[in-house]
Protein backbone atom coordinates (compact mmCIF):
# COMPACT_ATOMS: atom_id res chain seq x y z
CA MET A 1 0.65 -6.19 -13.95
CA LYS A 2 2.76 -8.89 -12.28
CA ASN A 3 2.32 -7.20 -8.88
CA ILE A 4 -1.45 -6.90 -9.36
CA GLU A 5 -1.66 -10.55 -10.37
CA ALA A 6 0.23 -11.48 -7.20
CA LEU A 7 -2.20 -9.48 -5.07
CA GLN A 8 -5.12 -11.13 -6.85
CA TRP A 9 -3.56 -14.52 -6.02
CA ARG A 10 -3.13 -13.63 -2.34
CA TYR A 11 -5.83 -14.43 0.18
CA ALA A 12 -6.04 -15.00 3.93
CA THR A 13 -5.04 -18.65 3.93
CA LYS A 14 -7.32 -20.78 6.08
CA LYS A 15 -5.48 -24.08 5.70
CA PHE A 16 -1.76 -24.58 5.20
CA ASP A 17 0.00 -27.64 3.82
CA ASN A 18 1.67 -28.92 6.98
CA ALA A 19 4.25 -30.88 4.98
CA LYS A 20 5.63 -27.95 3.01
CA ILE A 21 8.33 -25.78 4.58
CA LEU A 22 9.50 -22.43 3.27
CA PRO A 23 13.15 -22.46 2.15
CA GLN A 24 15.52 -20.28 4.14
CA GLU A 25 16.11 -17.94 1.20
CA LYS A 26 12.41 -16.97 1.32
CA ILE A 27 12.69 -16.25 5.05
CA GLU A 28 15.73 -14.05 4.37
CA VAL A 29 13.69 -12.04 1.86
CA LEU A 30 11.00 -11.46 4.47
CA LYS A 31 13.56 -10.48 7.12
CA ASN A 32 14.97 -7.82 4.82
CA ALA A 33 11.52 -6.66 3.73
CA PHE A 34 10.55 -6.18 7.38
CA ASN A 35 13.71 -4.22 8.08
CA LEU A 36 13.19 -1.99 5.03
CA THR A 37 9.58 -1.11 5.80
CA ALA A 38 8.75 2.53 6.41
CA THR A 39 8.24 3.72 9.99
CA SER A 40 7.41 7.10 11.49
CA TYR A 41 10.57 9.20 11.97
CA GLY A 42 12.50 6.11 10.85
CA LEU A 43 12.65 5.01 14.50
CA GLN A 44 11.66 1.37 13.91
CA PRO A 45 9.89 0.76 17.25
CA ILE A 46 9.11 -2.77 16.06
CA LYS A 47 10.72 -6.20 15.99
CA LEU A 48 9.86 -9.45 14.24
CA VAL A 49 9.82 -12.82 15.99
CA ILE A 50 10.00 -15.78 13.59
CA ILE A 51 8.78 -19.11 14.94
CA HIS A 52 9.67 -22.36 13.21
CA ASN A 53 8.97 -24.85 15.95
CA LYS A 54 5.93 -27.14 15.65
CA GLU A 55 5.70 -27.76 19.37
CA MET A 56 5.66 -24.04 20.09
CA GLN A 57 3.24 -23.38 17.23
CA GLN A 58 0.81 -25.98 18.57
CA LYS A 59 0.98 -24.41 22.01
CA LEU A 60 0.17 -20.99 20.57
CA VAL A 61 -3.04 -22.29 18.93
CA ASP A 62 -4.69 -22.14 22.37
CA PHE A 63 -3.94 -18.42 22.51
CA SER A 64 -5.00 -17.80 18.88
CA MET A 65 -8.74 -18.42 19.14
CA ASN A 66 -8.00 -22.00 18.11
CA GLN A 67 -6.99 -20.94 14.60
CA LYS A 68 -5.20 -24.00 13.22
CA GLN A 69 -3.14 -21.97 10.74
CA VAL A 70 -0.75 -21.21 13.60
CA SER A 71 0.15 -24.89 13.95
CA THR A 72 0.04 -25.96 10.29
CA ALA A 73 1.96 -23.02 8.82
CA SER A 74 5.61 -23.40 7.88
CA HIS A 75 6.54 -20.42 10.08
CA VAL A 76 4.68 -17.96 12.28
CA LEU A 77 5.62 -14.29 12.25
CA VAL A 78 4.88 -12.30 15.41
CA LEU A 79 5.09 -8.54 14.95
CA CYS A 80 6.05 -6.80 18.18
CA ILE A 81 6.44 -3.25 19.44
CA GLU A 82 9.02 -1.89 21.84
CA ARG A 83 7.50 -1.47 25.31
CA LYS A 84 9.72 1.54 25.95
CA VAL A 85 10.65 4.24 23.45
CA ASP A 86 12.70 6.57 25.63
CA LYS A 87 15.68 8.92 25.43
CA LYS A 88 18.17 6.07 25.11
CA PHE A 89 16.19 4.43 22.30
CA ILE A 90 16.03 7.69 20.35
CA GLU A 91 19.71 8.46 20.95
CA ASN A 92 20.64 5.02 19.64
CA TYR A 93 18.74 5.76 16.43
CA PHE A 94 20.54 9.05 15.88
CA ASN A 95 23.89 7.41 16.63
CA CYS A 96 23.06 4.97 13.86
CA VAL A 97 22.20 7.83 11.48
CA HIS A 98 25.49 9.54 12.30
CA LYS A 99 27.46 6.34 11.77
CA ILE A 100 25.84 5.37 8.47
CA ARG A 101 25.43 8.79 6.87
CA ALA A 102 28.19 10.72 8.62
CA THR A 103 25.67 13.50 9.24
CA PRO A 104 27.20 16.12 11.57
CA GLU A 105 25.78 16.05 15.08
CA GLU A 106 25.01 19.77 14.95
CA ILE A 107 22.53 18.98 12.18
CA LEU A 108 21.05 15.94 13.93
CA ASN A 109 20.80 17.31 17.45
CA PRO A 110 17.85 19.73 17.00
CA PHE A 111 15.58 16.98 15.63
CA LYS A 112 16.91 14.47 18.15
CA ASP A 113 16.18 16.84 21.04
CA PHE A 114 12.71 17.52 19.65
CA LEU A 115 11.86 13.82 19.51
CA ILE A 116 13.24 13.13 22.99
CA ASN A 117 11.13 15.95 24.43
CA ASP A 118 8.07 14.90 22.43
CA PHE A 119 8.18 11.28 23.56
CA GLU A 120 8.93 12.19 27.17
CA ASN A 121 5.64 14.09 27.19
CA LYS A 122 3.56 11.28 25.67
CA HIS A 123 1.58 8.79 27.76
CA ILE A 124 2.77 5.19 27.42
CA ASP A 125 -0.56 4.19 25.84
CA GLU A 126 -0.10 6.85 23.19
CA ILE A 127 3.40 5.59 22.41
CA HIS A 128 2.16 2.01 22.17
CA ALA A 129 -0.67 3.05 19.84
CA TRP A 130 1.82 4.92 17.64
CA ALA A 131 4.19 1.95 17.61
CA THR A 132 1.34 -0.42 16.75
CA ASN A 133 0.59 1.71 13.69
CA GLN A 134 4.16 1.12 12.57
CA ALA A 135 3.63 -2.64 12.99
CA PHE A 136 0.63 -2.42 10.67
CA LEU A 137 2.82 -0.69 8.09
CA ALA A 138 5.27 -3.58 8.35
CA LEU A 139 2.44 -6.10 8.08
CA GLY A 140 1.34 -4.52 4.80
CA THR A 141 4.89 -4.72 3.48
CA LEU A 142 5.21 -8.37 4.50
CA MET A 143 1.86 -9.35 2.99
CA THR A 144 2.76 -7.73 -0.32
CA VAL A 145 6.22 -9.27 -0.47
CA CYS A 146 4.74 -12.66 0.45
CA ALA A 147 2.34 -12.40 -2.49
CA ILE A 148 5.13 -11.46 -4.90
CA GLU A 149 7.30 -14.31 -3.61
CA GLY A 150 4.49 -16.88 -3.86
CA ILE A 151 4.23 -17.27 -0.10
CA ASP A 152 0.81 -17.77 1.46
CA SER A 153 -0.06 -15.83 4.58
CA CYS A 154 -2.85 -15.16 7.03
CA PRO A 155 -2.66 -11.89 9.01
CA MET A 156 -4.28 -12.11 12.45
CA GLU A 157 -5.37 -9.77 15.20
CA GLY A 158 -7.38 -12.58 16.81
CA PHE A 159 -4.98 -13.77 19.50
CA GLU A 160 -4.19 -13.16 23.17
CA PRO A 161 -1.15 -10.86 23.23
CA GLU A 162 -0.41 -11.29 26.93
CA LYS A 163 -0.40 -15.09 26.59
CA TYR A 164 1.89 -14.83 23.55
CA ASP A 165 4.17 -12.50 25.50
CA ASP A 166 4.39 -14.96 28.38
CA CYS A 167 4.89 -17.99 26.17
CA LEU A 168 7.62 -16.36 24.07
CA GLY A 169 9.31 -14.45 26.90
CA LEU A 170 8.73 -11.14 25.13
CA GLU A 171 8.40 -8.92 28.18
CA GLU A 172 11.98 -9.77 29.15
CA LEU A 173 12.99 -8.51 25.69
CA ASN A 174 11.09 -5.24 26.22
CA LEU A 175 8.61 -6.33 23.54
CA LYS A 176 4.84 -6.57 23.25
CA SER A 177 3.14 -8.69 20.55
CA VAL A 178 0.53 -6.88 18.46
CA LEU A 179 0.06 -8.90 15.24
CA VAL A 180 0.51 -12.48 14.10
CA MET A 181 0.96 -13.86 10.59
CA PRO A 182 1.35 -17.56 9.83
CA ILE A 183 3.10 -18.13 6.49
CA GLY A 184 3.76 -21.11 4.25
CA TYR A 185 1.99 -22.84 1.38
CA ARG A 186 -1.76 -23.29 1.03
CA ALA A 187 -3.23 -26.77 1.30
CA PRO A 188 -4.63 -28.12 -1.98
CA ASP A 189 -8.05 -28.57 -0.38
CA ASP A 190 -8.38 -25.07 1.08
CA MET A 191 -11.61 -24.07 -0.64
CA PHE A 192 -11.04 -20.42 0.19
CA SER A 193 -8.22 -20.28 -2.36
CA GLU A 194 -10.80 -20.64 -5.15
CA PHE A 195 -13.14 -17.91 -3.96
CA LYS A 196 -13.37 -14.78 -6.07
CA LYS A 197 -12.15 -11.62 -4.36
CA VAL A 198 -14.89 -9.36 -3.08
CA ARG A 199 -13.87 -5.73 -3.40
CA ARG A 200 -15.73 -2.48 -3.93
CA PRO A 201 -15.50 -1.05 -7.46
CA LEU A 202 -12.54 1.27 -8.06
CA SER A 203 -15.02 4.10 -8.61
CA ASP A 204 -16.16 3.68 -4.99
CA VAL A 205 -12.72 3.71 -3.38
CA ILE A 206 -10.63 6.03 -5.57
CA ILE A 207 -11.06 9.80 -5.72
CA GLU A 208 -9.08 11.61 -8.39
CA LEU A 209 -8.85 15.39 -8.14
């Protein structure tokens, strides 16, 4: 029940305590949680940008529909996708598999060749949509781990990705921002923290066969 209690405690934080900063050990937990999240084929077409710079955070408010959580949060997480998932990217993944697991190349090569061919025949928009789905998987992992660790968070789609990309120099890193999540500690006077959760009854959302 501890996990359920943590999820009951979690909410989309509207106001952070600007004076409270997350300790580095909490950030390390989130880094590892992000890296351990599931992704399609295990390719990890995503990266996490962690911002802990009040001047930068304040600048990003203008590109975040003026949502103040971006400036008052301890840190801001920006979930990004790779702009290019090509032959080299896929080969690098399989080289990593070979190095870590010592799987013979004759076993890896058929699947590697399949993926290379498959992605070469996809439109860039299709690849970006697929990669964005992987970012959402990571967001779910991060939100859950935040709740368990007692970290407040506020997932956001309401921002201007191109402005974020320019401000953070992401295009030069072959990255494209797709999700934002300020994290930290809720302010004592955030009235939303006291609101009861509104969810459909289990009988409406669960089907057991």
